[in-house]
Amino acid sequence: MWRNLPPVTKHLIIINIILFVATMANENFMIGTFAMFYPASQFFRFWQPLTYMFMHGSFMHIFFNMYSLLLFGSVIERNLGTKKYVLFYFASGFGAMLLHLLTIHLFGGPMEKAVVPMLGASGAIYGLFIGYAMLNPDTVLTLIFPPISLKAKWMMLIFVGIEILVGVFDTSDGVAHFAHLGGALVGFLLMYFWKKTGRIWLRDEWV
């Protein structure tokens, strides 16, 4: 299975794993340098809008993100081709960051703006969730826990609905729910545009 993975998905997984191992070896340095801090924070660095997508804080965090990347990313890469897939993945990640920063700017406290970083591929992964559901709406997916099976289009709507509810009513769990929503929104807009304009199958084009 590993040998048959398309190249971008495979390399994304490898980079994430390498940086996770480095984070476990020197967590303070890796998170302080490569996670995403609020731009007004003294810890912000110009490369963090890119590098935060490759940072993870725990084994379960990276496991579920990489498992999802393997399942959904490989399908989308094969459908879109390498160039569009790269654009789709990183645009979703940047969209996640922008909505998260906007939320922090409008509603965040001084601690969040000073020292609380954002990290993880989850925003880009939510873009992949939505993209997969738009490409394969009637494919039946089964959650690991609980073992519930639903069509992709319904499962992704439920996931987005949960993120909205939890993001609005519970901000104390340490999860950047609006980053997930930002990734999902950009993933939806890009996939909708490509399908609407008939460009989704132009595998050698950027748009």
N, C-alpha and C. Protein backbone atom coordinates (compact mmCIF):
# COMPACT_ATOMS: atom_id res chain seq x y z
N MET A 1 0.83 -1.21 0.00
CA MET A 1 0.00 0.00 0.00
C MET A 1 0.86 1.25 0.00
N TRP A 2 1.93 1.25 0.81
CA TRP A 2 2.81 2.41 0.88
C TRP A 2 3.46 2.70 -0.47
N ARG A 3 3.89 1.64 -1.17
CA ARG A 3 4.53 1.82 -2.47
C ARG A 3 3.57 2.40 -3.50
N ASN A 4 2.28 2.15 -3.31
CA ASN A 4 1.29 2.60 -4.29
C ASN A 4 0.72 3.99 -3.99
N LEU A 5 1.14 4.60 -2.89
CA LEU A 5 0.65 5.93 -2.58
C LEU A 5 1.15 6.93 -3.61
N PRO A 6 0.30 7.89 -4.02
CA PRO A 6 0.79 8.93 -4.94
C PRO A 6 1.84 9.79 -4.26
N PRO A 7 2.71 10.44 -5.02
CA PRO A 7 3.94 11.02 -4.46
C PRO A 7 3.73 12.15 -3.45
N VAL A 8 2.80 13.07 -3.70
CA VAL A 8 2.66 14.20 -2.79
C VAL A 8 2.14 13.74 -1.43
N THR A 9 1.13 12.89 -1.44
CA THR A 9 0.60 12.35 -0.19
C THR A 9 1.68 11.61 0.58
N LYS A 10 2.45 10.81 -0.10
CA LYS A 10 3.52 10.06 0.55
C LYS A 10 4.54 11.00 1.19
N HIS A 11 4.96 12.03 0.46
CA HIS A 11 5.97 12.93 1.00
C HIS A 11 5.43 13.81 2.12
N LEU A 12 4.16 14.18 2.04
CA LEU A 12 3.55 14.92 3.15
C LEU A 12 3.58 14.09 4.43
N ILE A 13 3.25 12.83 4.32
CA ILE A 13 3.26 11.95 5.49
C ILE A 13 4.68 11.82 6.04
N ILE A 14 5.66 11.63 5.16
CA ILE A 14 7.05 11.49 5.61
C ILE A 14 7.52 12.74 6.33
N ILE A 15 7.25 13.92 5.77
CA ILE A 15 7.69 15.17 6.40
C ILE A 15 7.03 15.34 7.76
N ASN A 16 5.74 15.06 7.85
CA ASN A 16 5.04 15.17 9.12
C ASN A 16 5.64 14.25 10.18
N ILE A 17 5.96 13.03 9.79
CA ILE A 17 6.52 12.07 10.74
C ILE A 17 7.91 12.51 11.20
N ILE A 18 8.74 12.97 10.26
CA ILE A 18 10.08 13.42 10.61
C ILE A 18 10.02 14.58 11.61
N LEU A 19 9.15 15.55 11.35
CA LEU A 19 9.05 16.71 12.24
C LEU A 19 8.41 16.33 13.57
N PHE A 20 7.55 15.32 13.58
CA PHE A 20 6.98 14.86 14.85
C PHE A 20 8.05 14.22 15.72
N VAL A 21 8.90 13.41 15.10
CA VAL A 21 10.01 12.80 15.85
C VAL A 21 10.92 13.89 16.42
N ALA A 22 11.21 14.90 15.60
CA ALA A 22 12.04 16.01 16.07
C ALA A 22 11.36 16.76 17.21
N THR A 23 10.04 16.89 17.13
CA THR A 23 9.30 17.57 18.19
C THR A 23 9.35 16.79 19.49
N MET A 24 9.25 15.47 19.40
CA MET A 24 9.35 14.66 20.60
C MET A 24 10.75 14.75 21.22
N ALA A 25 11.75 14.99 20.38
CA ALA A 25 13.13 15.10 20.89
C ALA A 25 13.39 16.47 21.52
N ASN A 26 12.77 17.52 20.97
CA ASN A 26 13.00 18.87 21.51
C ASN A 26 11.72 19.69 21.31
N GLU A 27 10.75 19.42 22.15
CA GLU A 27 9.41 20.00 21.96
C GLU A 27 9.40 21.52 22.05
N ASN A 28 10.08 22.06 23.03
CA ASN A 28 10.05 23.52 23.22
C ASN A 28 10.60 24.26 22.00
N PHE A 29 11.72 23.77 21.47
CA PHE A 29 12.31 24.43 20.32
C PHE A 29 11.43 24.28 19.08
N MET A 30 10.96 23.07 18.81
CA MET A 30 10.20 22.83 17.58
C MET A 30 8.87 23.59 17.57
N ILE A 31 8.13 23.51 18.66
CA ILE A 31 6.85 24.21 18.70
C ILE A 31 7.06 25.72 18.76
N GLY A 32 8.04 26.16 19.55
CA GLY A 32 8.30 27.59 19.64
C GLY A 32 8.79 28.19 18.34
N THR A 33 9.38 27.38 17.47
CA THR A 33 9.94 27.88 16.22
C THR A 33 9.01 27.68 15.03
N PHE A 34 8.29 26.55 14.98
CA PHE A 34 7.59 26.18 13.76
C PHE A 34 6.07 26.15 13.88
N ALA A 35 5.51 26.17 15.10
CA ALA A 35 4.06 26.30 15.22
C ALA A 35 3.64 27.72 14.88
N MET A 36 2.33 27.93 14.70
CA MET A 36 1.84 29.23 14.25
C MET A 36 1.40 30.09 15.44
N PHE A 37 2.12 31.18 15.65
CA PHE A 37 1.76 32.14 16.69
C PHE A 37 1.03 33.33 16.06
N TYR A 38 0.23 33.98 16.86
CA TYR A 38 -0.45 35.20 16.42
C TYR A 38 0.61 36.20 15.93
N PRO A 39 0.37 36.84 14.78
CA PRO A 39 1.41 37.68 14.17
C PRO A 39 1.97 38.78 15.07
N ALA A 40 1.18 39.26 16.05
CA ALA A 40 1.69 40.29 16.94
C ALA A 40 2.53 39.72 18.08
N SER A 41 2.58 38.41 18.19
CA SER A 41 3.34 37.78 19.26
C SER A 41 4.84 37.89 18.99
N GLN A 42 5.61 37.95 20.04
CA GLN A 42 7.07 37.97 19.90
C GLN A 42 7.62 36.66 19.35
N PHE A 43 6.80 35.60 19.40
CA PHE A 43 7.25 34.29 18.94
C PHE A 43 6.92 34.04 17.47
N PHE A 44 6.24 34.97 16.83
CA PHE A 44 5.87 34.78 15.42
C PHE A 44 7.09 34.87 14.53
N ARG A 45 7.16 33.94 13.55
CA ARG A 45 8.19 33.96 12.53
C ARG A 45 7.52 33.84 11.16
N PHE A 46 8.11 34.42 10.14
CA PHE A 46 7.43 34.52 8.85
C PHE A 46 7.16 33.17 8.19
N TRP A 47 7.92 32.13 8.57
CA TRP A 47 7.72 30.82 7.96
C TRP A 47 6.61 30.00 8.63
N GLN A 48 6.11 30.44 9.76
CA GLN A 48 5.14 29.66 10.51
C GLN A 48 3.81 29.40 9.79
N PRO A 49 3.30 30.30 8.92
CA PRO A 49 2.08 29.98 8.19
C PRO A 49 2.19 28.72 7.34
N LEU A 50 3.40 28.33 6.99
CA LEU A 50 3.60 27.07 6.26
C LEU A 50 3.95 25.92 7.20
N THR A 51 4.89 26.17 8.10
CA THR A 51 5.42 25.05 8.90
C THR A 51 4.44 24.54 9.94
N TYR A 52 3.48 25.37 10.37
CA TYR A 52 2.55 24.90 11.40
C TYR A 52 1.78 23.67 10.95
N MET A 53 1.58 23.53 9.62
CA MET A 53 0.80 22.40 9.09
C MET A 53 1.52 21.07 9.28
N PHE A 54 2.80 21.11 9.59
CA PHE A 54 3.57 19.88 9.73
C PHE A 54 3.91 19.57 11.19
N MET A 55 3.35 20.35 12.11
CA MET A 55 3.65 20.18 13.52
C MET A 55 2.49 19.49 14.24
N HIS A 56 2.82 18.57 15.15
CA HIS A 56 1.80 17.88 15.93
C HIS A 56 2.28 17.73 17.37
N GLY A 57 1.32 17.78 18.31
CA GLY A 57 1.68 17.79 19.70
C GLY A 57 1.58 16.47 20.43
N SER A 58 1.00 15.45 19.78
CA SER A 58 0.87 14.15 20.44
C SER A 58 0.77 13.06 19.38
N PHE A 59 0.95 11.82 19.83
CA PHE A 59 0.89 10.70 18.90
C PHE A 59 -0.50 10.57 18.28
N MET A 60 -1.56 10.71 19.10
CA MET A 60 -2.92 10.57 18.57
C MET A 60 -3.23 11.69 17.58
N HIS A 61 -2.70 12.88 17.84
CA HIS A 61 -2.90 14.01 16.95
C HIS A 61 -2.36 13.69 15.56
N ILE A 62 -1.12 13.25 15.49
CA ILE A 62 -0.53 12.97 14.18
C ILE A 62 -1.10 11.69 13.58
N PHE A 63 -1.44 10.71 14.42
CA PHE A 63 -1.95 9.45 13.90
C PHE A 63 -3.25 9.66 13.12
N PHE A 64 -4.21 10.36 13.71
CA PHE A 64 -5.48 10.54 13.03
C PHE A 64 -5.36 11.46 11.83
N ASN A 65 -4.48 12.46 11.91
CA ASN A 65 -4.29 13.32 10.75
C ASN A 65 -3.63 12.58 9.59
N MET A 66 -2.61 11.78 9.89
CA MET A 66 -1.93 11.05 8.82
C MET A 66 -2.79 9.91 8.27
N TYR A 67 -3.57 9.30 9.13
CA TYR A 67 -4.51 8.26 8.66
C TYR A 67 -5.52 8.87 7.70
N SER A 68 -6.03 10.05 8.04
CA SER A 68 -6.99 10.73 7.17
C SER A 68 -6.31 11.20 5.88
N LEU A 69 -5.08 11.68 6.00
CA LEU A 69 -4.34 12.11 4.82
C LEU A 69 -4.13 10.93 3.87
N LEU A 70 -3.78 9.79 4.41
CA LEU A 70 -3.58 8.60 3.60
C LEU A 70 -4.86 8.20 2.88
N LEU A 71 -5.99 8.17 3.62
CA LEU A 71 -7.26 7.72 3.04
C LEU A 71 -7.81 8.71 2.02
N PHE A 72 -7.93 9.96 2.42
CA PHE A 72 -8.59 10.94 1.57
C PHE A 72 -7.64 11.63 0.60
N GLY A 73 -6.43 11.93 1.08
CA GLY A 73 -5.48 12.63 0.23
C GLY A 73 -5.07 11.83 -0.99
N SER A 74 -4.87 10.53 -0.81
CA SER A 74 -4.45 9.71 -1.95
C SER A 74 -5.53 9.66 -3.03
N VAL A 75 -6.79 9.61 -2.62
CA VAL A 75 -7.89 9.60 -3.59
C VAL A 75 -7.95 10.92 -4.33
N ILE A 76 -7.86 12.02 -3.59
CA ILE A 76 -7.95 13.34 -4.23
C ILE A 76 -6.77 13.59 -5.14
N GLU A 77 -5.58 13.19 -4.72
CA GLU A 77 -4.40 13.39 -5.57
C GLU A 77 -4.54 12.63 -6.89
N ARG A 78 -5.04 11.41 -6.82
CA ARG A 78 -5.23 10.63 -8.05
C ARG A 78 -6.29 11.24 -8.95
N ASN A 79 -7.28 11.89 -8.37
CA ASN A 79 -8.33 12.52 -9.17
C ASN A 79 -7.91 13.85 -9.75
N LEU A 80 -7.20 14.65 -8.96
CA LEU A 80 -6.87 16.01 -9.39
C LEU A 80 -5.54 16.11 -10.13
N GLY A 81 -4.64 15.20 -9.86
CA GLY A 81 -3.29 15.34 -10.35
C GLY A 81 -2.43 16.09 -9.35
N THR A 82 -1.13 16.04 -9.53
CA THR A 82 -0.19 16.56 -8.55
C THR A 82 -0.33 18.06 -8.31
N LYS A 83 -0.39 18.85 -9.37
CA LYS A 83 -0.39 20.30 -9.21
C LYS A 83 -1.64 20.79 -8.49
N LYS A 84 -2.79 20.33 -8.95
CA LYS A 84 -4.03 20.78 -8.30
C LYS A 84 -4.10 20.30 -6.86
N TYR A 85 -3.59 19.12 -6.62
CA TYR A 85 -3.63 18.58 -5.26
C TYR A 85 -2.75 19.40 -4.31
N VAL A 86 -1.58 19.77 -4.76
CA VAL A 86 -0.71 20.62 -3.95
C VAL A 86 -1.41 21.94 -3.63
N LEU A 87 -2.01 22.56 -4.64
CA LEU A 87 -2.74 23.81 -4.43
C LEU A 87 -3.89 23.59 -3.46
N PHE A 88 -4.64 22.51 -3.64
CA PHE A 88 -5.80 22.24 -2.80
C PHE A 88 -5.39 22.04 -1.34
N TYR A 89 -4.36 21.26 -1.11
CA TYR A 89 -3.94 20.95 0.25
C TYR A 89 -3.46 22.20 0.98
N PHE A 90 -2.54 22.94 0.37
CA PHE A 90 -1.97 24.08 1.06
C PHE A 90 -2.94 25.26 1.13
N ALA A 91 -3.80 25.41 0.13
CA ALA A 91 -4.82 26.46 0.22
C ALA A 91 -5.76 26.18 1.39
N SER A 92 -6.12 24.93 1.59
CA SER A 92 -6.96 24.57 2.74
C SER A 92 -6.24 24.87 4.04
N GLY A 93 -4.95 24.55 4.10
CA GLY A 93 -4.18 24.83 5.30
C GLY A 93 -4.07 26.32 5.58
N PHE A 94 -3.86 27.13 4.54
CA PHE A 94 -3.78 28.57 4.73
C PHE A 94 -5.15 29.14 5.12
N GLY A 95 -6.21 28.61 4.51
CA GLY A 95 -7.55 29.05 4.88
C GLY A 95 -7.85 28.76 6.33
N ALA A 96 -7.39 27.61 6.80
CA ALA A 96 -7.56 27.25 8.20
C ALA A 96 -6.86 28.26 9.10
N MET A 97 -5.64 28.61 8.75
CA MET A 97 -4.87 29.56 9.54
C MET A 97 -5.55 30.93 9.56
N LEU A 98 -6.02 31.40 8.41
CA LEU A 98 -6.60 32.73 8.33
C LEU A 98 -7.87 32.85 9.16
N LEU A 99 -8.75 31.85 9.10
CA LEU A 99 -9.98 31.92 9.89
C LEU A 99 -9.66 31.82 11.38
N HIS A 100 -8.69 31.00 11.72
CA HIS A 100 -8.28 30.90 13.12
C HIS A 100 -7.74 32.23 13.62
N LEU A 101 -6.87 32.87 12.85
CA LEU A 101 -6.30 34.15 13.26
C LEU A 101 -7.37 35.23 13.35
N LEU A 102 -8.32 35.19 12.42
CA LEU A 102 -9.42 36.17 12.46
C LEU A 102 -10.23 35.99 13.74
N THR A 103 -10.49 34.74 14.10
CA THR A 103 -11.23 34.47 15.33
C THR A 103 -10.47 34.95 16.55
N ILE A 104 -9.16 34.69 16.57
CA ILE A 104 -8.33 35.16 17.69
C ILE A 104 -8.32 36.68 17.74
N HIS A 105 -8.22 37.31 16.57
CA HIS A 105 -8.20 38.77 16.51
C HIS A 105 -9.48 39.37 17.07
N LEU A 106 -10.62 38.76 16.75
CA LEU A 106 -11.91 39.31 17.16
C LEU A 106 -12.30 38.93 18.58
N PHE A 107 -11.98 37.69 18.98
CA PHE A 107 -12.51 37.19 20.24
C PHE A 107 -11.44 36.67 21.20
N GLY A 108 -10.21 36.61 20.79
CA GLY A 108 -9.17 36.02 21.62
C GLY A 108 -8.72 36.93 22.74
N GLY A 109 -8.24 36.30 23.81
CA GLY A 109 -7.71 37.05 24.93
C GLY A 109 -6.24 37.32 24.76
N PRO A 110 -5.64 38.08 25.69
CA PRO A 110 -4.22 38.41 25.58
C PRO A 110 -3.30 37.20 25.59
N MET A 111 -3.69 36.14 26.33
CA MET A 111 -2.84 34.94 26.38
C MET A 111 -2.78 34.27 25.02
N GLU A 112 -3.93 34.15 24.35
CA GLU A 112 -3.95 33.52 23.03
C GLU A 112 -3.12 34.33 22.03
N LYS A 113 -3.17 35.63 22.14
CA LYS A 113 -2.44 36.47 21.19
C LYS A 113 -0.95 36.53 21.49
N ALA A 114 -0.56 36.13 22.67
CA ALA A 114 0.84 36.25 23.06
C ALA A 114 1.60 34.93 22.95
N VAL A 115 1.06 33.86 23.52
CA VAL A 115 1.89 32.66 23.68
C VAL A 115 1.22 31.36 23.25
N VAL A 116 -0.04 31.37 22.84
CA VAL A 116 -0.72 30.11 22.50
C VAL A 116 -0.56 29.84 21.00
N PRO A 117 0.15 28.78 20.61
CA PRO A 117 0.37 28.50 19.19
C PRO A 117 -0.72 27.61 18.59
N MET A 118 -0.80 27.65 17.30
CA MET A 118 -1.67 26.75 16.53
C MET A 118 -0.76 25.77 15.80
N LEU A 119 -1.11 24.50 15.80
CA LEU A 119 -0.28 23.53 15.10
C LEU A 119 -1.12 22.36 14.64
N GLY A 120 -0.67 21.72 13.58
CA GLY A 120 -1.33 20.52 13.09
C GLY A 120 -1.83 20.65 11.67
N ALA A 121 -2.00 19.50 11.03
CA ALA A 121 -2.48 19.45 9.65
C ALA A 121 -4.00 19.39 9.57
N SER A 122 -4.68 19.52 10.70
CA SER A 122 -6.13 19.28 10.73
C SER A 122 -6.91 20.19 9.79
N GLY A 123 -6.51 21.46 9.68
CA GLY A 123 -7.22 22.36 8.79
C GLY A 123 -7.15 21.90 7.35
N ALA A 124 -5.95 21.52 6.90
CA ALA A 124 -5.81 20.99 5.54
C ALA A 124 -6.56 19.67 5.40
N ILE A 125 -6.57 18.86 6.44
CA ILE A 125 -7.28 17.58 6.40
C ILE A 125 -8.78 17.80 6.25
N TYR A 126 -9.32 18.81 6.91
CA TYR A 126 -10.75 19.11 6.75
C TYR A 126 -11.06 19.53 5.33
N GLY A 127 -10.12 20.23 4.69
CA GLY A 127 -10.31 20.51 3.27
C GLY A 127 -10.38 19.24 2.45
N LEU A 128 -9.52 18.27 2.80
CA LEU A 128 -9.56 16.98 2.11
C LEU A 128 -10.87 16.25 2.38
N PHE A 129 -11.37 16.30 3.62
CA PHE A 129 -12.66 15.70 3.93
C PHE A 129 -13.73 16.20 2.97
N ILE A 130 -13.81 17.52 2.87
CA ILE A 130 -14.85 18.12 2.03
C ILE A 130 -14.62 17.78 0.56
N GLY A 131 -13.37 17.86 0.12
CA GLY A 131 -13.07 17.53 -1.26
C GLY A 131 -13.45 16.11 -1.60
N TYR A 132 -13.14 15.18 -0.70
CA TYR A 132 -13.48 13.78 -0.93
C TYR A 132 -15.00 13.62 -1.02
N ALA A 133 -15.72 14.26 -0.11
CA ALA A 133 -17.18 14.13 -0.11
C ALA A 133 -17.80 14.72 -1.37
N MET A 134 -17.19 15.76 -1.92
CA MET A 134 -17.72 16.36 -3.15
C MET A 134 -17.40 15.51 -4.37
N LEU A 135 -16.28 14.79 -4.33
CA LEU A 135 -15.93 13.90 -5.43
C LEU A 135 -16.66 12.57 -5.35
N ASN A 136 -16.90 12.11 -4.12
CA ASN A 136 -17.50 10.79 -3.90
C ASN A 136 -18.62 10.89 -2.87
N PRO A 137 -19.68 11.64 -3.18
CA PRO A 137 -20.70 11.92 -2.16
C PRO A 137 -21.44 10.69 -1.64
N ASP A 138 -21.57 9.66 -2.46
CA ASP A 138 -22.36 8.49 -2.05
C ASP A 138 -21.52 7.32 -1.57
N THR A 139 -20.20 7.52 -1.49
CA THR A 139 -19.35 6.48 -0.92
C THR A 139 -19.63 6.34 0.56
N VAL A 140 -19.78 5.10 1.04
CA VAL A 140 -20.09 4.86 2.45
C VAL A 140 -18.79 4.80 3.24
N LEU A 141 -18.70 5.62 4.28
CA LEU A 141 -17.54 5.65 5.16
C LEU A 141 -17.93 5.14 6.54
N THR A 142 -16.99 4.52 7.22
CA THR A 142 -17.24 3.99 8.57
C THR A 142 -16.22 4.59 9.53
N LEU A 143 -16.72 5.20 10.58
CA LEU A 143 -15.85 5.74 11.60
C LEU A 143 -15.16 4.62 12.37
N ILE A 144 -13.96 4.91 12.89
CA ILE A 144 -13.27 3.94 13.74
C ILE A 144 -14.01 3.80 15.06
N PHE A 145 -14.35 4.95 15.66
CA PHE A 145 -15.11 4.93 16.91
C PHE A 145 -15.97 6.19 16.98
N PRO A 146 -17.29 6.00 17.14
CA PRO A 146 -18.01 4.73 17.12
C PRO A 146 -18.10 4.18 15.69
N PRO A 147 -18.27 2.87 15.51
CA PRO A 147 -18.29 2.27 14.17
C PRO A 147 -19.61 2.52 13.44
N ILE A 148 -19.81 3.78 13.06
CA ILE A 148 -21.02 4.20 12.36
C ILE A 148 -20.71 4.38 10.89
N SER A 149 -21.57 3.88 10.03
CA SER A 149 -21.39 4.00 8.58
C SER A 149 -22.40 4.99 8.00
N LEU A 150 -21.90 5.92 7.20
CA LEU A 150 -22.75 6.91 6.55
C LEU A 150 -22.15 7.25 5.19
N LYS A 151 -22.98 7.76 4.30
CA LYS A 151 -22.45 8.28 3.05
C LYS A 151 -21.56 9.48 3.33
N ALA A 152 -20.55 9.65 2.49
CA ALA A 152 -19.55 10.69 2.72
C ALA A 152 -20.20 12.06 2.85
N LYS A 153 -21.18 12.37 2.03
CA LYS A 153 -21.77 13.71 2.05
C LYS A 153 -22.45 14.00 3.38
N TRP A 154 -23.08 12.99 3.97
CA TRP A 154 -23.75 13.21 5.26
C TRP A 154 -22.74 13.26 6.40
N MET A 155 -21.73 12.42 6.33
CA MET A 155 -20.73 12.39 7.39
C MET A 155 -19.98 13.71 7.47
N MET A 156 -19.63 14.28 6.30
CA MET A 156 -18.89 15.52 6.31
C MET A 156 -19.75 16.68 6.78
N LEU A 157 -21.04 16.68 6.44
CA LEU A 157 -21.94 17.71 6.94
C LEU A 157 -22.06 17.63 8.46
N ILE A 158 -22.12 16.43 8.99
CA ILE A 158 -22.19 16.25 10.44
C ILE A 158 -20.90 16.76 11.09
N PHE A 159 -19.76 16.42 10.50
CA PHE A 159 -18.48 16.87 11.05
C PHE A 159 -18.41 18.40 11.10
N VAL A 160 -18.82 19.04 10.00
CA VAL A 160 -18.79 20.50 9.94
C VAL A 160 -19.76 21.09 10.96
N GLY A 161 -20.94 20.51 11.07
CA GLY A 161 -21.91 20.98 12.05
C GLY A 161 -21.39 20.89 13.46
N ILE A 162 -20.72 19.79 13.78
CA ILE A 162 -20.15 19.63 15.12
C ILE A 162 -19.08 20.69 15.37
N GLU A 163 -18.24 20.95 14.38
CA GLU A 163 -17.19 21.95 14.54
C GLU A 163 -17.79 23.33 14.80
N ILE A 164 -18.86 23.66 14.10
CA ILE A 164 -19.51 24.95 14.32
C ILE A 164 -20.06 25.05 15.74
N LEU A 165 -20.77 24.03 16.16
CA LEU A 165 -21.38 24.05 17.49
C LEU A 165 -20.33 24.11 18.59
N VAL A 166 -19.32 23.25 18.48
CA VAL A 166 -18.29 23.21 19.52
C VAL A 166 -17.46 24.48 19.49
N GLY A 167 -17.17 24.99 18.29
CA GLY A 167 -16.38 26.21 18.19
C GLY A 167 -17.08 27.41 18.80
N VAL A 168 -18.40 27.47 18.65
CA VAL A 168 -19.17 28.61 19.17
C VAL A 168 -19.42 28.49 20.66
N PHE A 169 -19.76 27.27 21.13
CA PHE A 169 -20.24 27.12 22.50
C PHE A 169 -19.21 26.56 23.48
N ASP A 170 -18.10 26.03 22.97
CA ASP A 170 -17.09 25.48 23.88
C ASP A 170 -15.71 25.83 23.37
N THR A 171 -15.09 26.81 23.97
CA THR A 171 -13.77 27.28 23.52
C THR A 171 -12.67 26.87 24.49
N SER A 172 -12.95 25.91 25.36
CA SER A 172 -11.99 25.57 26.41
C SER A 172 -11.29 24.24 26.19
N ASP A 173 -11.49 23.60 25.03
CA ASP A 173 -10.92 22.27 24.84
C ASP A 173 -9.55 22.29 24.18
N GLY A 174 -9.04 23.47 23.85
CA GLY A 174 -7.71 23.57 23.27
C GLY A 174 -7.62 23.20 21.80
N VAL A 175 -8.77 23.01 21.14
CA VAL A 175 -8.81 22.64 19.72
C VAL A 175 -9.20 23.86 18.90
N ALA A 176 -8.50 24.10 17.80
CA ALA A 176 -8.79 25.25 16.93
C ALA A 176 -9.92 24.89 15.97
N HIS A 177 -11.15 24.90 16.47
CA HIS A 177 -12.29 24.46 15.67
C HIS A 177 -12.51 25.35 14.45
N PHE A 178 -12.26 26.64 14.59
CA PHE A 178 -12.47 27.52 13.44
C PHE A 178 -11.38 27.34 12.39
N ALA A 179 -10.24 26.80 12.78
CA ALA A 179 -9.24 26.42 11.77
C ALA A 179 -9.78 25.26 10.93
N HIS A 180 -10.41 24.29 11.58
CA HIS A 180 -11.02 23.19 10.83
C HIS A 180 -12.05 23.73 9.84
N LEU A 181 -12.86 24.67 10.31
CA LEU A 181 -13.90 25.24 9.45
C LEU A 181 -13.29 26.05 8.31
N GLY A 182 -12.19 26.75 8.58
CA GLY A 182 -11.52 27.49 7.52
C GLY A 182 -10.99 26.58 6.43
N GLY A 183 -10.38 25.47 6.84
CA GLY A 183 -9.91 24.49 5.86
C GLY A 183 -11.04 23.89 5.06
N ALA A 184 -12.14 23.58 5.75
CA ALA A 184 -13.31 23.00 5.07
C ALA A 184 -13.90 23.99 4.07
N LEU A 185 -13.96 25.26 4.46
CA LEU A 185 -14.54 26.28 3.58
C LEU A 185 -13.71 26.45 2.31
N VAL A 186 -12.40 26.56 2.45
CA VAL A 186 -11.55 26.72 1.27
C VAL A 186 -11.59 25.48 0.40
N GLY A 187 -11.58 24.29 1.03
CA GLY A 187 -11.70 23.06 0.26
C GLY A 187 -12.98 23.02 -0.55
N PHE A 188 -14.08 23.43 0.08
CA PHE A 188 -15.36 23.46 -0.62
C PHE A 188 -15.34 24.44 -1.79
N LEU A 189 -14.83 25.64 -1.54
CA LEU A 189 -14.84 26.66 -2.60
C LEU A 189 -13.98 26.26 -3.79
N LEU A 190 -12.81 25.71 -3.52
CA LEU A 190 -11.94 25.29 -4.62
C LEU A 190 -12.56 24.16 -5.41
N MET A 191 -13.06 23.14 -4.71
CA MET A 191 -13.65 22.00 -5.41
C MET A 191 -14.90 22.41 -6.17
N TYR A 192 -15.69 23.29 -5.59
CA TYR A 192 -16.90 23.78 -6.26
C TYR A 192 -16.53 24.52 -7.54
N PHE A 193 -15.51 25.38 -7.45
CA PHE A 193 -15.08 26.14 -8.62
C PHE A 193 -14.59 25.22 -9.73
N TRP A 194 -13.76 24.24 -9.37
CA TRP A 194 -13.24 23.33 -10.38
C TRP A 194 -14.34 22.50 -11.03
N LYS A 195 -15.30 22.04 -10.22
CA LYS A 195 -16.40 21.25 -10.79
C LYS A 195 -17.31 22.13 -11.65
N LYS A 196 -17.57 23.33 -11.17
CA LYS A 196 -18.48 24.24 -11.89
C LYS A 196 -17.91 24.64 -13.24
N THR A 197 -16.60 24.85 -13.31
CA THR A 197 -15.96 25.30 -14.54
C THR A 197 -15.48 24.14 -15.41
N GLY A 198 -15.70 22.92 -14.97
CA GLY A 198 -15.27 21.76 -15.74
C GLY A 198 -13.78 21.54 -15.75
N ARG A 199 -13.05 22.13 -14.81
CA ARG A 199 -11.59 22.05 -14.80
C ARG A 199 -11.07 20.96 -13.87
N ILE A 200 -11.96 20.26 -13.23
CA ILE A 200 -11.52 19.31 -12.22
C ILE A 200 -10.70 18.17 -12.81
N TRP A 201 -10.94 17.86 -14.07
CA TRP A 201 -10.23 16.73 -14.68
C TRP A 201 -9.05 17.17 -15.52
N LEU A 202 -8.75 18.47 -15.54
CA LEU A 202 -7.57 18.96 -16.25
C LEU A 202 -6.36 18.77 -15.34
N ARG A 203 -5.83 17.58 -15.33
CA ARG A 203 -4.87 17.18 -14.31
C ARG A 203 -3.52 17.88 -14.42
N ASP A 204 -3.21 18.44 -15.57
CA ASP A 204 -1.91 19.09 -15.73
C ASP A 204 -1.99 20.60 -15.56
N GLU A 205 -3.15 21.09 -15.12
CA GLU A 205 -3.32 22.53 -14.96
C GLU A 205 -3.41 22.89 -13.48
N TRP A 206 -3.04 24.13 -13.17
CA TRP A 206 -3.16 24.59 -11.79
C TRP A 206 -4.61 24.88 -11.45
N VAL A 207 -5.36 25.44 -12.40
CA VAL A 207 -6.75 25.82 -12.13
C VAL A 207 -7.64 25.35 -13.28
